[in-house]
């Protein structure tokens, strides 16, 4: 176990609240129907699902999440809709999508405030915590395993491809020379000292991109997204909509090209929908959100 700093020891575990990013745009884009059946593959705290359930009478939600904490929070948040929600603990890449079932599918690919603000989950270097980063704590692979046991080339590839970190080789070299690492703050400090001084005190912490790349690798996020985009269109009824919110260029690029190249979908958003000033002021993390929507154009029987 790590020795917690006095700052962290005074922190309370945050609630799993889900402020739905681009909520109005999601409801408009999905064109919610009475008696419609919708699939939320990243239910989180239930924010988007609540909006769908409130948008029309007798709507039904199948709510997925691989994080047990998220499902517990969503069940509490959506308790009043008990008979209209089915909860499933699953990574959406592994979910068995039933064909021709859903009037709409939504995925919010962002890391929740709960994960970033909860020290024990090890997603952020703002607090001292064990290197974890698993969305699904049933899996064995975590951030510590990658950092302490993968070779230098593999680490550099993670930081460059998934974190878009141009100093990836320097960072990977220093990590290998100084490991093992046990905490987020230890790792962030090593990354900081591996970059030139002029980059250490900029607007973005020098460990930010490397931590993004590491999180994506731990959770196999891009491969999971590709699996979702391959299977989800088959689960839509004709005319059904799929709406995906991404938060960085790697995800958005995959969604954009998959929608465009799919023979089952018609793109409804030539350019991604982004948050307006009012929403950004109320929820700064919506600043980088990009929403793309497509419609099923044929039966998938």
Protein backbone atom coordinates (compact mmCIF):
# COMPACT_ATOMS: atom_id res chain seq x y z
CA UNK A 1 0.00 0.00 0.00
CA UNK A 2 1.18 3.56 -0.69
CA UNK A 3 1.53 6.27 1.89
CA UNK A 4 -1.20 8.77 1.17
CA UNK A 5 -0.41 12.45 1.31
CA UNK A 6 -2.23 14.55 3.89
CA UNK A 7 -3.99 16.30 1.00
CA UNK A 8 -5.48 13.05 -0.26
CA UNK A 9 -6.33 11.64 3.14
CA UNK A 10 -8.69 14.55 3.73
CA UNK A 11 -10.51 13.98 0.44
CA UNK A 12 -13.86 12.23 0.32
CA UNK A 13 -14.60 9.78 -2.44
CA UNK A 14 -16.56 11.73 -5.07
CA UNK A 15 -20.08 10.78 -6.05
CA UNK A 16 -20.56 9.20 -9.48
CA UNK A 17 -22.58 12.08 -10.90
CA UNK A 18 -23.02 12.23 -14.64
CA UNK A 19 -23.53 15.67 -16.14
CA UNK A 20 -24.72 14.78 -19.63
CA UNK A 21 -22.54 16.50 -22.21
CA UNK A 22 -24.42 17.86 -25.26
CA UNK A 23 -27.65 16.59 -23.74
CA UNK A 24 -30.03 18.76 -25.77
CA UNK A 25 -28.19 17.93 -28.97
CA UNK A 26 -28.35 14.20 -28.20
CA UNK A 27 -32.12 14.25 -27.64
CA UNK A 28 -32.71 16.29 -30.81
CA UNK A 29 -30.37 14.15 -32.87
CA UNK A 30 -31.81 10.83 -31.73
CA UNK A 31 -35.37 12.11 -32.32
CA UNK A 32 -36.68 10.20 -29.30
CA UNK A 33 -39.93 8.33 -29.99
CA UNK A 34 -42.68 7.14 -27.67
CA UNK A 35 -42.28 3.45 -26.89
CA UNK A 36 -38.79 3.58 -28.37
CA UNK A 37 -36.01 1.25 -27.24
CA UNK A 38 -32.59 2.85 -26.76
CA UNK A 39 -29.16 1.50 -25.92
CA UNK A 40 -26.76 3.53 -23.77
CA UNK A 41 -23.44 1.68 -23.99
CA UNK A 42 -21.69 4.02 -21.51
CA UNK A 43 -24.39 4.75 -18.96
CA UNK A 44 -22.00 6.22 -16.36
CA UNK A 45 -24.12 7.86 -13.70
CA UNK A 46 -27.16 7.74 -15.97
CA UNK A 47 -27.27 11.35 -17.16
CA UNK A 48 -27.97 10.74 -20.85
CA UNK A 49 -30.29 7.81 -20.11
CA UNK A 50 -32.38 10.02 -17.83
CA UNK A 51 -32.78 12.60 -20.61
CA UNK A 52 -33.95 9.88 -23.01
CA UNK A 53 -36.41 8.44 -20.50
CA UNK A 54 -37.83 11.90 -19.82
CA UNK A 55 -38.04 12.87 -23.50
CA UNK A 56 -40.99 10.63 -24.39
CA UNK A 57 -43.41 8.32 -22.61
CA UNK A 58 -42.75 4.61 -22.32
CA UNK A 59 -39.23 4.78 -23.72
CA UNK A 60 -37.07 1.85 -22.68
CA UNK A 61 -33.32 1.85 -22.03
CA UNK A 62 -30.77 -0.94 -22.07
CA UNK A 63 -27.92 0.53 -20.02
CA UNK A 64 -24.39 -0.85 -20.29
CA UNK A 65 -21.25 -0.08 -18.36
CA UNK A 66 -18.14 -2.09 -17.54
CA UNK A 67 -17.59 -0.17 -14.29
CA UNK A 68 -19.50 -1.56 -11.33
CA UNK A 69 -19.44 1.82 -9.55
CA UNK A 70 -21.12 3.40 -12.58
CA UNK A 71 -23.92 0.86 -12.65
CA UNK A 72 -24.58 1.28 -8.93
CA UNK A 73 -24.84 5.04 -9.41
CA UNK A 74 -27.02 4.71 -12.50
CA UNK A 75 -29.44 2.35 -10.75
CA UNK A 76 -29.83 4.90 -7.97
CA UNK A 77 -30.20 7.85 -10.34
CA UNK A 78 -32.75 6.06 -12.52
CA UNK A 79 -34.65 4.28 -9.74
CA UNK A 80 -37.91 6.04 -10.60
CA UNK A 81 -37.78 4.46 -14.07
CA UNK A 82 -37.17 0.98 -12.64
CA UNK A 83 -39.40 -0.93 -15.03
CA UNK A 84 -38.09 0.88 -18.10
CA UNK A 85 -34.35 0.21 -17.66
CA UNK A 86 -32.34 -2.98 -18.01
CA UNK A 87 -28.80 -2.79 -16.62
CA UNK A 88 -25.97 -4.85 -18.05
CA UNK A 89 -22.39 -4.93 -16.81
CA UNK A 90 -20.33 -5.25 -19.97
CA UNK A 91 -17.70 -3.58 -22.07
CA UNK A 92 -19.55 -2.49 -25.21
CA UNK A 93 -16.93 -4.25 -27.33
CA UNK A 94 -17.99 -7.57 -25.79
CA UNK A 95 -21.75 -6.95 -25.74
CA UNK A 96 -23.87 -9.27 -27.88
CA UNK A 97 -25.77 -6.67 -29.93
CA UNK A 98 -29.22 -8.02 -30.88
CA UNK A 99 -30.05 -7.26 -34.51
CA UNK A 100 -32.74 -4.79 -35.53
CA UNK A 101 -33.64 -3.92 -31.96
CA UNK A 102 -32.85 -0.33 -31.03
CA UNK A 103 -34.33 2.98 -32.17
CA UNK A 104 -31.17 4.70 -31.03
CA UNK A 105 -27.72 3.98 -29.62
CA UNK A 106 -25.56 6.41 -27.66
CA UNK A 107 -21.93 6.27 -26.53
CA UNK A 108 -20.22 8.92 -24.42
CA UNK A 109 -16.53 8.05 -24.67
CA UNK A 110 -15.31 10.59 -22.12
CA UNK A 111 -13.65 9.70 -18.84
CA UNK A 112 -16.04 10.72 -16.09
CA UNK A 113 -15.30 13.29 -13.42
CA UNK A 114 -15.70 10.46 -10.93
CA UNK A 115 -12.72 8.61 -12.38
CA UNK A 116 -10.56 11.72 -12.58
CA UNK A 117 -11.49 12.98 -9.12
CA UNK A 118 -11.38 9.65 -7.30
CA UNK A 119 -7.78 9.09 -6.17
CA UNK A 120 -8.15 5.37 -5.57
CA UNK A 121 -8.87 4.70 -9.27
CA UNK A 122 -5.45 6.03 -10.30
CA UNK A 123 -6.50 7.94 -13.41
CA UNK A 124 -5.07 11.33 -12.43
CA UNK A 125 -1.70 12.56 -11.18
CA UNK A 126 -3.35 15.34 -9.18
CA UNK A 127 -3.43 12.98 -6.20
CA UNK A 128 -1.05 10.28 -5.05
CA UNK A 129 -2.57 6.91 -5.90
CA UNK A 130 -1.62 3.44 -7.03
CA UNK A 131 -1.15 3.11 -10.79
CA UNK A 132 -4.41 1.50 -11.87
CA UNK A 133 -6.59 3.18 -14.57
CA UNK A 134 -8.85 0.14 -15.10
CA UNK A 135 -12.42 0.97 -16.03
CA UNK A 136 -13.33 -2.65 -15.34
CA UNK A 137 -11.55 -3.73 -12.19
CA UNK A 138 -12.18 -7.38 -13.05
CA UNK A 139 -9.42 -7.26 -15.64
CA UNK A 140 -5.85 -8.06 -14.61
CA UNK A 141 -3.95 -5.56 -16.78
CA UNK A 142 -3.45 -2.20 -15.09
CA UNK A 143 -1.21 0.84 -15.52
CA UNK A 144 1.46 -0.47 -13.13
CA UNK A 145 1.86 -3.65 -15.18
CA UNK A 146 2.44 -1.69 -18.38
CA UNK A 147 4.76 0.92 -16.87
CA UNK A 148 6.90 -1.53 -14.93
CA UNK A 149 7.05 -4.51 -17.30
CA UNK A 150 6.53 -3.48 -20.92
CA UNK A 151 9.66 -2.68 -22.89
CA UNK A 152 10.86 0.77 -23.87
CA UNK A 153 9.70 0.57 -27.49
CA UNK A 154 6.20 -0.50 -26.46
CA UNK A 155 5.95 2.36 -23.96
CA UNK A 156 7.12 4.89 -26.55
CA UNK A 157 4.53 3.58 -29.02
CA UNK A 158 1.76 3.95 -26.42
CA UNK A 159 2.70 7.55 -25.64
CA UNK A 160 3.12 8.49 -29.31
CA UNK A 161 0.14 6.69 -30.87
CA UNK A 162 -2.41 7.05 -28.10
CA UNK A 163 -1.18 10.17 -26.33
CA UNK A 164 0.12 11.97 -29.45
CA UNK A 165 3.20 12.77 -27.36
CA UNK A 166 6.11 13.79 -29.60
CA UNK A 167 8.65 13.34 -26.79
CA UNK A 168 7.53 9.73 -26.33
CA UNK A 169 10.97 8.17 -26.72
CA UNK A 170 12.58 10.42 -24.12
CA UNK A 171 9.76 9.72 -21.68
CA UNK A 172 9.87 5.97 -22.24
CA UNK A 173 13.66 5.90 -21.79
CA UNK A 174 13.50 7.69 -18.44
CA UNK A 175 10.69 5.46 -17.21
CA UNK A 176 12.64 2.29 -18.00
CA UNK A 177 15.78 3.71 -16.36
CA UNK A 178 13.93 4.63 -13.14
CA UNK A 179 11.29 1.96 -12.66
CA UNK A 180 9.59 0.46 -10.78
CA UNK A 181 6.92 3.09 -10.20
CA UNK A 182 4.10 2.54 -7.75
CA UNK A 183 2.11 5.79 -7.74
CA UNK A 184 0.66 8.28 -10.17
CA UNK A 185 2.67 11.15 -8.70
CA UNK A 186 5.95 9.26 -8.97
CA UNK A 187 5.30 8.58 -12.63
CA UNK A 188 4.18 12.15 -13.38
CA UNK A 189 7.32 13.53 -11.74
CA UNK A 190 9.57 11.25 -13.80
CA UNK A 191 7.81 12.32 -16.99
CA UNK A 192 8.20 15.99 -16.06
CA UNK A 193 11.94 15.61 -15.59
CA UNK A 194 12.33 13.79 -18.90
CA UNK A 195 11.20 16.79 -20.98
CA UNK A 196 13.06 20.08 -21.54
CA UNK A 197 12.56 22.71 -18.84
CA UNK A 198 10.62 25.01 -21.17
CA UNK A 199 7.86 22.37 -21.40
CA UNK A 200 7.56 21.72 -17.66
CA UNK A 201 5.53 24.78 -16.73
CA UNK A 202 3.24 25.25 -19.70
CA UNK A 203 -0.56 25.31 -19.82
CA UNK A 204 -0.67 21.52 -20.05
CA UNK A 205 1.22 19.39 -17.54
CA UNK A 206 3.96 17.41 -19.37
CA UNK A 207 2.50 14.12 -18.13
CA UNK A 208 -1.00 14.74 -19.53
CA UNK A 209 -0.53 13.14 -22.95
CA UNK A 210 1.43 10.19 -21.62
CA UNK A 211 -1.28 9.50 -19.03
CA UNK A 212 -3.92 9.63 -21.77
CA UNK A 213 -1.97 7.13 -23.84
CA UNK A 214 -1.50 4.86 -20.85
CA UNK A 215 -5.21 4.95 -19.99
CA UNK A 216 -6.17 4.10 -23.57
CA UNK A 217 -3.74 1.17 -23.56
CA UNK A 218 -4.95 -0.19 -20.20
CA UNK A 219 -8.58 -0.19 -21.34
CA UNK A 220 -7.94 -1.02 -25.00
CA UNK A 221 -10.18 1.92 -25.81
CA UNK A 222 -9.57 2.38 -29.53
CA UNK A 223 -9.95 -1.31 -30.37
CA UNK A 224 -13.13 -1.37 -28.30
CA UNK A 225 -14.46 1.65 -30.20
CA UNK A 226 -13.74 -0.04 -33.53
CA UNK A 227 -15.65 -3.13 -32.35
CA UNK A 228 -18.58 -0.95 -31.29
CA UNK A 229 -18.72 0.80 -34.63
CA UNK A 230 -18.63 -2.51 -36.47
CA UNK A 231 -21.44 -4.16 -34.50
CA UNK A 232 -23.74 -1.35 -33.39
CA UNK A 233 -25.25 -0.42 -36.81
CA UNK A 234 -26.56 -3.96 -37.14
CA UNK A 235 -28.53 -3.51 -33.93
CA UNK A 236 -30.47 -0.48 -35.18
CA UNK A 237 -33.92 -0.63 -36.71
CA UNK A 238 -34.25 1.05 -40.09
CA UNK A 239 -34.18 4.79 -39.44
CA UNK A 240 -32.60 4.32 -36.03
CA UNK A 241 -29.85 6.72 -34.99
CA UNK A 242 -26.42 6.23 -33.48
CA UNK A 243 -24.82 9.13 -31.60
CA UNK A 244 -21.25 9.08 -30.36
CA UNK A 245 -19.50 11.72 -28.26
CA UNK A 246 -15.70 11.67 -28.41
CA UNK A 247 -13.18 13.78 -26.56
CA UNK A 248 -9.94 13.58 -28.51
CA UNK A 249 -8.87 13.47 -32.14
CA UNK A 250 -8.02 9.76 -32.20
CA UNK A 251 -11.56 8.74 -31.25
CA UNK A 252 -13.24 11.35 -33.43
CA UNK A 253 -11.21 10.29 -36.47
CA UNK A 254 -12.27 6.66 -36.02
CA UNK A 255 -15.95 7.60 -35.63
CA UNK A 256 -15.87 9.96 -38.62
CA UNK A 257 -14.37 7.42 -41.01
CA UNK A 258 -16.46 4.52 -39.76
CA UNK A 259 -19.70 6.44 -40.23
CA UNK A 260 -18.63 7.62 -43.67
CA UNK A 261 -17.54 4.20 -44.90
CA UNK A 262 -20.45 2.19 -43.50
CA UNK A 263 -22.97 0.89 -46.03
CA UNK A 264 -25.56 0.66 -43.26
CA UNK A 265 -25.42 4.30 -42.17
CA UNK A 266 -26.15 7.77 -43.52
CA UNK A 267 -24.11 10.52 -41.89
CA UNK A 268 -26.30 13.25 -40.37
CA UNK A 269 -23.48 15.48 -39.09
CA UNK A 270 -21.03 16.57 -41.78
CA UNK A 271 -19.12 18.38 -39.05
CA UNK A 272 -19.17 17.34 -35.39
CA UNK A 273 -21.54 19.13 -33.03
CA UNK A 274 -19.70 20.91 -30.23
CA UNK A 275 -20.75 22.50 -26.95
CA UNK A 276 -22.01 26.08 -26.81
CA UNK A 277 -20.48 28.75 -24.58
CA UNK A 278 -23.14 28.39 -21.89
CA UNK A 279 -22.56 24.65 -21.53
CA UNK A 280 -18.79 25.09 -21.47
CA UNK A 281 -19.08 27.66 -18.70
CA UNK A 282 -21.24 25.26 -16.65
CA UNK A 283 -19.21 22.16 -17.49
CA UNK A 284 -15.66 22.97 -18.68
CA UNK A 285 -15.00 19.34 -19.62
CA UNK A 286 -17.56 19.69 -22.42
CA UNK A 287 -15.11 21.98 -24.25
CA UNK A 288 -13.46 19.14 -26.14
CA UNK A 289 -16.61 17.08 -26.79
CA UNK A 290 -17.51 16.24 -30.39
CA UNK A 291 -20.83 14.63 -31.28
CA UNK A 292 -21.40 12.73 -34.53
CA UNK A 293 -24.72 11.18 -35.50
CA UNK A 294 -25.67 8.72 -38.23
CA UNK A 295 -28.89 6.98 -39.28
CA UNK A 296 -29.52 3.38 -40.26
CA UNK A 297 -30.60 3.31 -43.91
CA UNK A 298 -31.51 -0.35 -44.41
CA UNK A 299 -32.88 -3.34 -42.60
CA UNK A 300 -30.20 -5.63 -41.18
CA UNK A 301 -32.14 -8.90 -41.37
